[in-house]
């Protein structure tokens, strides 16, 4: 990936930081060779019920996608792989639409 940003809120908890680091290794595998232009931002927030959750944003030149993860999700590598593939697929879909728009503009239509 181009850049991985981990906010101070994530770094405050050793447990959450370790889970994010583990999940980021999975994300690297998921994104693979298509990742050099992608930035990942890992943050931690409270949901509407006061529970802590990890927020992951992926962005590139075409757009941004976001997912919210319960700490329990990060503890399950198989679950994380599935969630990260879904998020990555969402960004690839945005990328594909953007590239198609640019191609249509270049063709005059």
C-alpha atoms as a PDB file:
ATOM      1  CA  UNK A   1       0.000   0.000   0.000  1.00  0.00           C
ATOM      2  CA  UNK A   2       0.989   3.575  -0.515  1.00  0.00           C
ATOM      3  CA  UNK A   3       0.452   4.490   3.112  1.00  0.00           C
ATOM      4  CA  UNK A   4      -0.983   3.015   6.294  1.00  0.00           C
ATOM      5  CA  UNK A   5      -2.118   5.491   8.930  1.00  0.00           C
ATOM      6  CA  UNK A   6      -2.908   4.332  12.444  1.00  0.00           C
ATOM      7  CA  UNK A   7      -4.420   7.040  14.621  1.00  0.00           C
ATOM      8  CA  UNK A   8      -3.434   7.758  18.196  1.00  0.00           C
ATOM      9  CA  UNK A   9      -6.816   6.398  19.343  1.00  0.00           C
ATOM     10  CA  UNK A  10      -5.832   2.974  18.008  1.00  0.00           C
ATOM     11  CA  UNK A  11      -2.345   3.206  19.477  1.00  0.00           C
ATOM     12  CA  UNK A  12      -3.725   3.939  22.963  1.00  0.00           C
ATOM     13  CA  UNK A  13      -4.760   0.317  23.441  1.00  0.00           C
ATOM     14  CA  UNK A  14      -2.054  -2.341  23.059  1.00  0.00           C
ATOM     15  CA  UNK A  15      -4.695  -4.965  22.340  1.00  0.00           C
ATOM     16  CA  UNK A  16      -6.439  -2.942  19.623  1.00  0.00           C
ATOM     17  CA  UNK A  17      -3.100  -1.893  18.111  1.00  0.00           C
ATOM     18  CA  UNK A  18      -1.997  -5.552  17.900  1.00  0.00           C
ATOM     19  CA  UNK A  19      -5.303  -6.586  16.311  1.00  0.00           C
ATOM     20  CA  UNK A  20      -5.048  -3.758  13.770  1.00  0.00           C
ATOM     21  CA  UNK A  21      -1.477  -4.768  12.910  1.00  0.00           C
ATOM     22  CA  UNK A  22      -2.621  -8.371  12.384  1.00  0.00           C
ATOM     23  CA  UNK A  23      -5.564  -7.203  10.255  1.00  0.00           C
ATOM     24  CA  UNK A  24      -3.322  -4.903   8.249  1.00  0.00           C
ATOM     25  CA  UNK A  25      -1.141  -7.873   7.258  1.00  0.00           C
ATOM     26  CA  UNK A  26      -4.304  -9.567   5.956  1.00  0.00           C
ATOM     27  CA  UNK A  27      -5.257  -6.361   4.130  1.00  0.00           C
ATOM     28  CA  UNK A  28      -1.844  -6.320   2.439  1.00  0.00           C
ATOM     29  CA  UNK A  29      -2.507  -9.834   1.153  1.00  0.00           C
ATOM     30  CA  UNK A  30      -5.997  -8.900  -0.037  1.00  0.00           C
ATOM     31  CA  UNK A  31      -4.910  -5.751  -1.873  1.00  0.00           C
ATOM     32  CA  UNK A  32      -1.800  -7.392  -3.311  1.00  0.00           C
ATOM     33  CA  UNK A  33      -0.106  -5.803  -6.302  1.00  0.00           C
ATOM     34  CA  UNK A  34      -3.007  -3.375  -6.856  1.00  0.00           C
ATOM     35  CA  UNK A  35      -2.219  -1.566  -3.618  1.00  0.00           C
ATOM     36  CA  UNK A  36       0.592   0.926  -4.329  1.00  0.00           C
ATOM     37  CA  UNK A  37      -1.878   3.802  -4.803  1.00  0.00           C
ATOM     38  CA  UNK A  38      -4.058   2.895  -1.811  1.00  0.00           C
ATOM     39  CA  UNK A  39      -4.030   4.541   1.605  1.00  0.00           C
ATOM     40  CA  UNK A  40      -5.467   2.727   4.622  1.00  0.00           C
ATOM     41  CA  UNK A  41      -6.541   4.691   7.688  1.00  0.00           C
ATOM     42  CA  UNK A  42      -7.233   2.758  10.899  1.00  0.00           C
ATOM     43  CA  UNK A  43      -9.115   4.674  13.595  1.00  0.00           C
ATOM     44  CA  UNK A  44     -11.160   3.911  16.677  1.00  0.00           C
ATOM     45  CA  UNK A  45     -14.481   5.552  17.575  1.00  0.00           C
ATOM     46  CA  UNK A  46     -17.539   4.984  19.701  1.00  0.00           C
ATOM     47  CA  UNK A  47     -20.748   3.861  18.056  1.00  0.00           C
ATOM     48  CA  UNK A  48     -24.118   5.345  18.972  1.00  0.00           C
ATOM     49  CA  UNK A  49     -24.357   3.016  21.975  1.00  0.00           C
ATOM     50  CA  UNK A  50     -21.005   3.922  23.519  1.00  0.00           C
ATOM     51  CA  UNK A  51     -19.207   0.779  22.299  1.00  0.00           C
ATOM     52  CA  UNK A  52     -15.716   1.078  20.847  1.00  0.00           C
ATOM     53  CA  UNK A  53     -15.263   0.089  17.219  1.00  0.00           C
ATOM     54  CA  UNK A  54     -12.427   0.178  14.744  1.00  0.00           C
ATOM     55  CA  UNK A  55     -13.001   2.185  11.573  1.00  0.00           C
ATOM     56  CA  UNK A  56     -11.041   1.357   8.427  1.00  0.00           C
ATOM     57  CA  UNK A  57     -10.995   3.689   5.435  1.00  0.00           C
ATOM     58  CA  UNK A  58      -9.413   2.744   2.128  1.00  0.00           C
ATOM     59  CA  UNK A  59      -8.867   5.443  -0.441  1.00  0.00           C
ATOM     60  CA  UNK A  60      -7.134   6.017  -3.729  1.00  0.00           C
ATOM     61  CA  UNK A  61      -7.376   8.560  -6.537  1.00  0.00           C
ATOM     62  CA  UNK A  62     -10.897   7.371  -7.392  1.00  0.00           C
ATOM     63  CA  UNK A  63     -12.630   7.484  -4.021  1.00  0.00           C
ATOM     64  CA  UNK A  64     -12.955   6.150  -0.499  1.00  0.00           C
ATOM     65  CA  UNK A  65     -14.741   3.289   1.244  1.00  0.00           C
ATOM     66  CA  UNK A  66     -15.262   2.731   4.962  1.00  0.00           C
ATOM     67  CA  UNK A  67     -16.135  -0.155   7.234  1.00  0.00           C
ATOM     68  CA  UNK A  68     -16.767  -0.332  10.966  1.00  0.00           C
ATOM     69  CA  UNK A  69     -15.478  -3.331  12.875  1.00  0.00           C
ATOM     70  CA  UNK A  70     -16.214  -4.585  16.354  1.00  0.00           C
ATOM     71  CA  UNK A  71     -13.084  -5.598  18.276  1.00  0.00           C
ATOM     72  CA  UNK A  72     -14.362  -9.198  18.118  1.00  0.00           C
ATOM     73  CA  UNK A  73     -14.250  -9.043  14.301  1.00  0.00           C
ATOM     74  CA  UNK A  74     -10.544  -8.239  14.402  1.00  0.00           C
ATOM     75  CA  UNK A  75      -9.883 -11.298  16.552  1.00  0.00           C
ATOM     76  CA  UNK A  76     -11.105 -13.655  13.823  1.00  0.00           C
ATOM     77  CA  UNK A  77      -8.687 -13.742  10.838  1.00  0.00           C
ATOM     78  CA  UNK A  78     -11.155 -15.592   8.601  1.00  0.00           C
ATOM     79  CA  UNK A  79     -13.869 -13.027   9.330  1.00  0.00           C
ATOM     80  CA  UNK A  80     -11.409 -10.182   8.727  1.00  0.00           C
ATOM     81  CA  UNK A  81     -10.278 -11.635   5.414  1.00  0.00           C
ATOM     82  CA  UNK A  82     -13.914 -11.846   4.271  1.00  0.00           C
ATOM     83  CA  UNK A  83     -14.674  -8.283   5.427  1.00  0.00           C
ATOM     84  CA  UNK A  84     -11.514  -6.870   3.853  1.00  0.00           C
ATOM     85  CA  UNK A  85     -12.184  -8.580   0.523  1.00  0.00           C
ATOM     86  CA  UNK A  86     -15.636  -6.992   0.542  1.00  0.00           C
ATOM     87  CA  UNK A  87     -14.258  -3.535   1.315  1.00  0.00           C
ATOM     88  CA  UNK A  88     -11.523  -3.879  -1.286  1.00  0.00           C
ATOM     89  CA  UNK A  89     -14.121  -4.983  -3.835  1.00  0.00           C
ATOM     90  CA  UNK A  90     -16.134  -1.848  -3.076  1.00  0.00           C
ATOM     91  CA  UNK A  91     -13.117   0.363  -3.800  1.00  0.00           C
ATOM     92  CA  UNK A  92     -12.326  -1.561  -6.980  1.00  0.00           C
ATOM     93  CA  UNK A  93     -15.894  -1.014  -8.138  1.00  0.00           C
ATOM     94  CA  UNK A  94     -15.520   2.743  -7.617  1.00  0.00           C
ATOM     95  CA  UNK A  95     -12.197   2.602  -9.470  1.00  0.00           C
ATOM     96  CA  UNK A  96     -13.755   0.696 -12.357  1.00  0.00           C
ATOM     97  CA  UNK A  97     -16.620   3.187 -12.699  1.00  0.00           C
ATOM     98  CA  UNK A  98     -14.204   6.122 -12.616  1.00  0.00           C
ATOM     99  CA  UNK A  99     -11.991   4.568 -15.271  1.00  0.00           C
ATOM    100  CA  UNK A 100     -15.017   3.832 -17.442  1.00  0.00           C
ATOM    101  CA  UNK A 101     -16.192   7.449 -17.117  1.00  0.00           C
ATOM    102  CA  UNK A 102     -12.751   8.693 -18.157  1.00  0.00           C
ATOM    103  CA  UNK A 103     -12.670   6.334 -21.125  1.00  0.00           C
ATOM    104  CA  UNK A 104     -16.106   7.495 -22.262  1.00  0.00           C
ATOM    105  CA  UNK A 105     -15.015  11.143 -21.973  1.00  0.00           C
ATOM    106  CA  UNK A 106     -11.872  10.419 -23.988  1.00  0.00           C
ATOM    107  CA  UNK A 107     -14.005   8.814 -26.698  1.00  0.00           C
ATOM    108  CA  UNK A 108     -16.266  11.843 -26.766  1.00  0.00           C
ATOM    109  CA  UNK A 109     -19.308  10.215 -25.367  1.00  0.00           C
END
